[in-house]
Amino acid sequence: MTLREFWKNYNIYDAIRNIADSWHKVKQPDMKGVWNKLCPQFAHEFQEFTTDDIARVRQAVVDIGNQLKLDISANDVVDLLASHGRELSHEDLTELEKQVEAVEQNDDLDIPELKKFTMKEFAEAFRLIKQGWQN
């Protein structure tokens, strides 16, 4: 195979596979070394996240979700994060396609009326932002 033939046959899938294979060869000490060089203020003596760190972050996500009235639990967060590592099934892909089609047809959208602001309201908002920055 000539170089020209190689490049003609090389596609995005091949590129993604090359990147994935390369990424799997990167070891944790290499990553730590890079971050120590790039951002030593953040990487200094960092070992790894503890289970307490992870639990605190998980609870923070749950708290934010509940403030937004999403009614989620820590198990929901764990399930969501775990789902990102799984390959989508045919049924999952079919459901996603249906959702995309529904959004495109505006069947599913409940578009709220946009709030209109007056110049006076904008001026007040910017005044409050400026005041917040000064404090």
N, C-alpha and C. Protein backbone atom coordinates (compact mmCIF):
# COMPACT_ATOMS: atom_id res chain seq x y z
N MET A 1 0.85 -1.17 0.00
CA MET A 1 0.00 0.00 0.00
C MET A 1 0.90 1.24 0.00
N THR A 2 0.60 2.16 -0.87
CA THR A 2 1.38 3.39 -0.94
C THR A 2 0.85 4.38 0.09
N LEU A 3 1.62 5.41 0.32
CA LEU A 3 1.20 6.46 1.25
C LEU A 3 -0.09 7.12 0.76
N ARG A 4 -0.17 7.36 -0.53
CA ARG A 4 -1.37 7.97 -1.12
C ARG A 4 -2.60 7.08 -0.88
N GLU A 5 -2.45 5.77 -1.09
CA GLU A 5 -3.57 4.85 -0.87
C GLU A 5 -3.98 4.83 0.60
N PHE A 6 -2.97 4.87 1.47
CA PHE A 6 -3.26 4.89 2.90
C PHE A 6 -4.14 6.10 3.24
N TRP A 7 -3.75 7.28 2.80
CA TRP A 7 -4.50 8.49 3.12
C TRP A 7 -5.88 8.52 2.46
N LYS A 8 -6.00 7.92 1.31
CA LYS A 8 -7.31 7.84 0.66
C LYS A 8 -8.27 6.98 1.47
N ASN A 9 -7.74 5.93 2.07
CA ASN A 9 -8.57 4.99 2.83
C ASN A 9 -8.75 5.39 4.29
N TYR A 10 -7.95 6.34 4.76
CA TYR A 10 -8.01 6.77 6.16
C TYR A 10 -9.25 7.64 6.35
N ASN A 11 -10.04 7.34 7.41
CA ASN A 11 -11.29 8.09 7.62
C ASN A 11 -11.41 8.50 9.08
N ILE A 12 -12.51 9.13 9.40
CA ILE A 12 -12.72 9.63 10.77
C ILE A 12 -12.75 8.48 11.77
N TYR A 13 -13.36 7.38 11.39
CA TYR A 13 -13.40 6.22 12.28
C TYR A 13 -11.98 5.77 12.64
N ASP A 14 -11.11 5.70 11.64
CA ASP A 14 -9.72 5.31 11.90
C ASP A 14 -9.03 6.31 12.83
N ALA A 15 -9.31 7.58 12.62
CA ALA A 15 -8.71 8.62 13.47
C ALA A 15 -9.19 8.47 14.91
N ILE A 16 -10.48 8.25 15.09
CA ILE A 16 -11.02 8.10 16.45
C ILE A 16 -10.43 6.86 17.12
N ARG A 17 -10.31 5.78 16.38
CA ARG A 17 -9.69 4.57 16.95
C ARG A 17 -8.25 4.84 17.36
N ASN A 18 -7.50 5.58 16.54
CA ASN A 18 -6.11 5.91 16.87
C ASN A 18 -6.04 6.73 18.15
N ILE A 19 -6.93 7.70 18.26
CA ILE A 19 -6.95 8.55 19.45
C ILE A 19 -7.30 7.72 20.68
N ALA A 20 -8.31 6.86 20.56
CA ALA A 20 -8.72 6.02 21.70
C ALA A 20 -7.60 5.09 22.12
N ASP A 21 -6.96 4.45 21.16
CA ASP A 21 -5.84 3.55 21.49
C ASP A 21 -4.71 4.31 22.18
N SER A 22 -4.41 5.50 21.69
CA SER A 22 -3.35 6.31 22.29
C SER A 22 -3.73 6.76 23.69
N TRP A 23 -4.97 7.16 23.86
CA TRP A 23 -5.42 7.66 25.17
C TRP A 23 -5.34 6.56 26.22
N HIS A 24 -5.64 5.33 25.84
CA HIS A 24 -5.59 4.22 26.80
C HIS A 24 -4.16 3.91 27.23
N LYS A 25 -3.18 4.36 26.47
CA LYS A 25 -1.79 4.12 26.81
C LYS A 25 -1.22 5.18 27.75
N VAL A 26 -1.95 6.26 27.97
CA VAL A 26 -1.50 7.31 28.88
C VAL A 26 -1.70 6.83 30.31
N LYS A 27 -0.67 6.86 31.09
CA LYS A 27 -0.71 6.37 32.48
C LYS A 27 -0.93 7.54 33.44
N GLN A 28 -1.43 7.21 34.63
CA GLN A 28 -1.72 8.23 35.63
C GLN A 28 -0.49 9.05 36.01
N PRO A 29 0.68 8.45 36.20
CA PRO A 29 1.85 9.27 36.53
C PRO A 29 2.19 10.28 35.42
N ASP A 30 1.93 9.89 34.17
CA ASP A 30 2.17 10.82 33.06
C ASP A 30 1.24 12.03 33.17
N MET A 31 -0.03 11.76 33.47
CA MET A 31 -1.01 12.84 33.60
C MET A 31 -0.63 13.77 34.75
N LYS A 32 -0.22 13.19 35.86
CA LYS A 32 0.18 14.01 37.01
C LYS A 32 1.37 14.88 36.66
N GLY A 33 2.31 14.29 35.94
CA GLY A 33 3.49 15.05 35.55
C GLY A 33 3.15 16.22 34.65
N VAL A 34 2.24 16.00 33.72
CA VAL A 34 1.82 17.07 32.81
C VAL A 34 1.11 18.17 33.59
N TRP A 35 0.18 17.80 34.47
CA TRP A 35 -0.55 18.82 35.22
C TRP A 35 0.38 19.56 36.18
N ASN A 36 1.37 18.88 36.72
CA ASN A 36 2.34 19.57 37.58
C ASN A 36 3.08 20.64 36.80
N LYS A 37 3.36 20.39 35.53
CA LYS A 37 4.05 21.39 34.69
C LYS A 37 3.10 22.50 34.26
N LEU A 38 1.86 22.14 33.88
CA LEU A 38 0.91 23.12 33.35
C LEU A 38 0.29 24.00 34.43
N CYS A 39 -0.16 23.38 35.50
CA CYS A 39 -0.88 24.10 36.57
C CYS A 39 -0.40 23.61 37.93
N PRO A 40 0.82 23.94 38.31
CA PRO A 40 1.33 23.42 39.58
C PRO A 40 0.50 23.86 40.79
N GLN A 41 -0.16 25.03 40.68
CA GLN A 41 -0.96 25.49 41.81
C GLN A 41 -2.16 24.58 42.07
N PHE A 42 -2.60 23.83 41.06
CA PHE A 42 -3.74 22.93 41.24
C PHE A 42 -3.30 21.49 41.45
N ALA A 43 -2.14 21.13 40.96
CA ALA A 43 -1.72 19.74 40.98
C ALA A 43 -0.75 19.43 42.11
N HIS A 44 -0.33 20.42 42.84
CA HIS A 44 0.69 20.22 43.88
C HIS A 44 0.23 19.18 44.90
N GLU A 45 0.98 18.11 45.00
CA GLU A 45 0.76 17.04 45.96
C GLU A 45 -0.61 16.38 45.86
N PHE A 46 -1.30 16.54 44.76
CA PHE A 46 -2.60 15.89 44.59
C PHE A 46 -2.39 14.40 44.37
N GLN A 47 -3.08 13.58 45.14
CA GLN A 47 -2.96 12.13 44.99
C GLN A 47 -4.15 11.58 44.20
N GLU A 48 -5.32 11.69 44.76
CA GLU A 48 -6.54 11.25 44.09
C GLU A 48 -7.72 11.68 44.94
N PHE A 49 -8.92 11.58 44.36
CA PHE A 49 -10.11 11.93 45.10
C PHE A 49 -10.44 10.80 46.07
N THR A 50 -10.82 11.19 47.27
CA THR A 50 -11.22 10.19 48.26
C THR A 50 -12.70 9.89 48.09
N THR A 51 -13.14 8.83 48.74
CA THR A 51 -14.57 8.50 48.68
C THR A 51 -15.39 9.60 49.33
N ASP A 52 -14.84 10.28 50.33
CA ASP A 52 -15.55 11.41 50.95
C ASP A 52 -15.70 12.57 49.97
N ASP A 53 -14.64 12.84 49.20
CA ASP A 53 -14.71 13.89 48.18
C ASP A 53 -15.81 13.58 47.18
N ILE A 54 -15.83 12.36 46.72
CA ILE A 54 -16.83 11.95 45.72
C ILE A 54 -18.23 12.04 46.30
N ALA A 55 -18.40 11.62 47.55
CA ALA A 55 -19.72 11.67 48.19
C ALA A 55 -20.18 13.12 48.35
N ARG A 56 -19.25 14.03 48.70
CA ARG A 56 -19.61 15.45 48.85
C ARG A 56 -20.06 16.04 47.52
N VAL A 57 -19.34 15.72 46.45
CA VAL A 57 -19.70 16.25 45.13
C VAL A 57 -21.04 15.67 44.69
N ARG A 58 -21.22 14.38 44.92
CA ARG A 58 -22.49 13.74 44.55
C ARG A 58 -23.64 14.41 45.29
N GLN A 59 -23.46 14.69 46.58
CA GLN A 59 -24.51 15.34 47.36
C GLN A 59 -24.74 16.77 46.88
N ALA A 60 -23.68 17.44 46.47
CA ALA A 60 -23.85 18.80 45.94
C ALA A 60 -24.69 18.77 44.66
N VAL A 61 -24.47 17.78 43.81
CA VAL A 61 -25.27 17.65 42.59
C VAL A 61 -26.73 17.39 42.95
N VAL A 62 -26.96 16.54 43.92
CA VAL A 62 -28.34 16.26 44.37
C VAL A 62 -28.98 17.53 44.92
N ASP A 63 -28.25 18.28 45.72
CA ASP A 63 -28.78 19.51 46.31
C ASP A 63 -29.15 20.52 45.23
N ILE A 64 -28.28 20.68 44.24
CA ILE A 64 -28.56 21.62 43.15
C ILE A 64 -29.79 21.15 42.38
N GLY A 65 -29.86 19.86 42.10
CA GLY A 65 -31.01 19.31 41.39
C GLY A 65 -32.30 19.53 42.15
N ASN A 66 -32.25 19.34 43.46
CA ASN A 66 -33.45 19.53 44.27
C ASN A 66 -33.83 21.01 44.38
N GLN A 67 -32.84 21.90 44.38
CA GLN A 67 -33.15 23.34 44.35
C GLN A 67 -33.87 23.70 43.06
N LEU A 68 -33.55 22.97 42.00
CA LEU A 68 -34.21 23.19 40.72
C LEU A 68 -35.50 22.39 40.61
N LYS A 69 -35.90 21.77 41.72
CA LYS A 69 -37.13 20.99 41.81
C LYS A 69 -37.12 19.79 40.86
N LEU A 70 -35.96 19.13 40.77
CA LEU A 70 -35.83 17.96 39.91
C LEU A 70 -36.08 16.65 40.65
N ASP A 71 -36.13 16.71 41.98
CA ASP A 71 -36.41 15.53 42.81
C ASP A 71 -35.51 14.36 42.43
N ILE A 72 -34.19 14.54 42.62
CA ILE A 72 -33.23 13.49 42.31
C ILE A 72 -32.58 13.00 43.59
N SER A 73 -32.02 11.81 43.52
CA SER A 73 -31.32 11.22 44.67
C SER A 73 -29.88 10.94 44.29
N ALA A 74 -29.09 10.57 45.28
CA ALA A 74 -27.69 10.22 45.02
C ALA A 74 -27.61 9.02 44.08
N ASN A 75 -28.55 8.09 44.21
CA ASN A 75 -28.56 6.93 43.31
C ASN A 75 -28.83 7.34 41.87
N ASP A 76 -29.66 8.37 41.68
CA ASP A 76 -29.90 8.88 40.33
C ASP A 76 -28.61 9.40 39.72
N VAL A 77 -27.81 10.10 40.52
CA VAL A 77 -26.54 10.65 40.03
C VAL A 77 -25.59 9.51 39.67
N VAL A 78 -25.50 8.51 40.54
CA VAL A 78 -24.63 7.36 40.27
C VAL A 78 -25.07 6.65 38.99
N ASP A 79 -26.39 6.44 38.85
CA ASP A 79 -26.91 5.77 37.65
C ASP A 79 -26.60 6.57 36.39
N LEU A 80 -26.78 7.87 36.47
CA LEU A 80 -26.51 8.71 35.30
C LEU A 80 -25.04 8.63 34.90
N LEU A 81 -24.15 8.75 35.87
CA LEU A 81 -22.72 8.69 35.56
C LEU A 81 -22.32 7.31 35.03
N ALA A 82 -22.90 6.27 35.58
CA ALA A 82 -22.60 4.91 35.11
C ALA A 82 -23.10 4.70 33.69
N SER A 83 -24.20 5.35 33.35
CA SER A 83 -24.79 5.16 32.02
C SER A 83 -23.89 5.71 30.92
N HIS A 84 -23.03 6.65 31.25
CA HIS A 84 -22.16 7.23 30.23
C HIS A 84 -21.07 6.25 29.78
N GLY A 85 -20.81 5.25 30.57
CA GLY A 85 -19.80 4.27 30.20
C GLY A 85 -20.36 3.12 29.38
N ARG A 86 -21.69 3.03 29.30
CA ARG A 86 -22.32 1.93 28.56
C ARG A 86 -22.59 2.32 27.12
N GLU A 87 -22.54 1.34 26.26
CA GLU A 87 -22.89 1.56 24.87
C GLU A 87 -24.41 1.58 24.75
N LEU A 88 -24.92 2.48 23.91
CA LEU A 88 -26.37 2.57 23.75
C LEU A 88 -26.90 1.36 23.00
N SER A 89 -28.05 0.89 23.46
CA SER A 89 -28.70 -0.24 22.78
C SER A 89 -29.47 0.28 21.58
N HIS A 90 -29.96 -0.64 20.77
CA HIS A 90 -30.77 -0.27 19.61
C HIS A 90 -32.03 0.48 20.07
N GLU A 91 -32.62 0.02 21.18
CA GLU A 91 -33.82 0.67 21.70
C GLU A 91 -33.51 2.10 22.16
N ASP A 92 -32.35 2.27 22.81
CA ASP A 92 -31.95 3.61 23.26
C ASP A 92 -31.79 4.55 22.07
N LEU A 93 -31.13 4.06 21.02
CA LEU A 93 -30.92 4.89 19.84
C LEU A 93 -32.24 5.22 19.16
N THR A 94 -33.14 4.27 19.11
CA THR A 94 -34.46 4.51 18.52
C THR A 94 -35.21 5.57 19.31
N GLU A 95 -35.15 5.48 20.63
CA GLU A 95 -35.83 6.46 21.48
C GLU A 95 -35.23 7.85 21.30
N LEU A 96 -33.91 7.93 21.22
CA LEU A 96 -33.26 9.22 20.99
C LEU A 96 -33.68 9.81 19.65
N GLU A 97 -33.76 8.98 18.64
CA GLU A 97 -34.18 9.45 17.32
C GLU A 97 -35.60 9.99 17.37
N LYS A 98 -36.49 9.32 18.10
CA LYS A 98 -37.87 9.80 18.24
C LYS A 98 -37.91 11.15 18.95
N GLN A 99 -37.08 11.30 19.97
CA GLN A 99 -37.03 12.57 20.70
C GLN A 99 -36.54 13.70 19.80
N VAL A 100 -35.52 13.42 19.00
CA VAL A 100 -34.99 14.43 18.08
C VAL A 100 -36.07 14.83 17.08
N GLU A 101 -36.77 13.85 16.53
CA GLU A 101 -37.83 14.15 15.57
C GLU A 101 -38.94 14.97 16.21
N ALA A 102 -39.30 14.65 17.45
CA ALA A 102 -40.35 15.39 18.14
C ALA A 102 -39.94 16.84 18.37
N VAL A 103 -38.70 17.05 18.75
CA VAL A 103 -38.21 18.41 18.97
C VAL A 103 -38.19 19.18 17.65
N GLU A 104 -37.74 18.50 16.60
CA GLU A 104 -37.68 19.16 15.29
C GLU A 104 -39.06 19.56 14.80
N GLN A 105 -40.07 18.79 15.15
CA GLN A 105 -41.44 19.09 14.72
C GLN A 105 -42.16 19.99 15.72
N ASN A 106 -41.45 20.37 16.78
CA ASN A 106 -42.01 21.22 17.83
C ASN A 106 -43.21 20.59 18.52
N ASP A 107 -43.37 19.26 18.41
CA ASP A 107 -44.46 18.57 19.09
C ASP A 107 -44.26 18.64 20.60
N ASP A 108 -43.00 18.58 21.01
CA ASP A 108 -42.64 18.43 22.40
C ASP A 108 -42.34 19.76 23.08
N LEU A 109 -42.22 20.82 22.31
CA LEU A 109 -41.73 22.06 22.87
C LEU A 109 -42.86 22.92 23.41
N ASP A 110 -42.64 23.40 24.58
CA ASP A 110 -43.51 24.38 25.19
C ASP A 110 -42.67 25.63 25.34
N ILE A 111 -42.65 26.45 24.33
CA ILE A 111 -41.77 27.62 24.33
C ILE A 111 -42.43 28.71 25.15
N PRO A 112 -41.79 29.09 26.26
CA PRO A 112 -42.37 30.15 27.07
C PRO A 112 -42.22 31.51 26.37
N GLU A 113 -43.11 32.39 26.71
CA GLU A 113 -43.02 33.73 26.14
C GLU A 113 -41.79 34.42 26.74
N LEU A 114 -41.01 35.03 25.90
CA LEU A 114 -39.80 35.68 26.36
C LEU A 114 -40.13 36.93 27.15
N LYS A 115 -39.39 37.13 28.23
CA LYS A 115 -39.57 38.33 29.04
C LYS A 115 -38.99 39.50 28.29
N LYS A 116 -39.72 40.57 28.26
CA LYS A 116 -39.23 41.79 27.63
C LYS A 116 -38.86 42.78 28.72
N PHE A 117 -37.67 43.35 28.57
CA PHE A 117 -37.17 44.29 29.56
C PHE A 117 -37.19 45.70 28.99
N THR A 118 -37.46 46.63 29.87
CA THR A 118 -37.38 48.03 29.48
C THR A 118 -35.95 48.50 29.72
N MET A 119 -35.62 49.64 29.17
CA MET A 119 -34.29 50.21 29.39
C MET A 119 -34.07 50.48 30.88
N LYS A 120 -35.12 50.88 31.56
CA LYS A 120 -35.02 51.16 32.99
C LYS A 120 -34.67 49.88 33.76
N GLU A 121 -35.29 48.76 33.38
CA GLU A 121 -35.00 47.49 34.04
C GLU A 121 -33.57 47.03 33.75
N PHE A 122 -33.12 47.20 32.51
CA PHE A 122 -31.72 46.88 32.17
C PHE A 122 -30.76 47.73 32.99
N ALA A 123 -31.04 49.01 33.08
CA ALA A 123 -30.17 49.91 33.83
C ALA A 123 -30.08 49.47 35.29
N GLU A 124 -31.21 49.09 35.87
CA GLU A 124 -31.24 48.64 37.27
C GLU A 124 -30.45 47.34 37.41
N ALA A 125 -30.61 46.42 36.47
CA ALA A 125 -29.90 45.14 36.53
C ALA A 125 -28.39 45.37 36.46
N PHE A 126 -27.95 46.21 35.54
CA PHE A 126 -26.52 46.49 35.42
C PHE A 126 -25.98 47.23 36.64
N ARG A 127 -26.80 48.09 37.22
CA ARG A 127 -26.39 48.79 38.43
C ARG A 127 -26.15 47.78 39.56
N LEU A 128 -27.06 46.81 39.69
CA LEU A 128 -26.92 45.80 40.74
C LEU A 128 -25.71 44.89 40.49
N ILE A 129 -25.47 44.56 39.22
CA ILE A 129 -24.28 43.74 38.91
C ILE A 129 -23.03 44.50 39.26
N LYS A 130 -22.97 45.76 38.89
CA LYS A 130 -21.79 46.58 39.19
C LYS A 130 -21.59 46.70 40.69
N GLN A 131 -22.69 46.88 41.41
CA GLN A 131 -22.63 46.97 42.86
C GLN A 131 -22.11 45.65 43.46
N GLY A 132 -22.55 44.54 42.91
CA GLY A 132 -22.09 43.24 43.40
C GLY A 132 -20.60 43.04 43.16
N TRP A 133 -20.10 43.51 42.03
CA TRP A 133 -18.67 43.39 41.74
C TRP A 133 -17.83 44.22 42.70
N GLN A 134 -18.37 45.33 43.13
CA GLN A 134 -17.61 46.23 44.00
C GLN A 134 -17.56 45.71 45.42
N ASN A 135 -18.47 44.84 45.80
CA ASN A 135 -18.49 44.32 47.18
C ASN A 135 -17.62 43.17 47.35
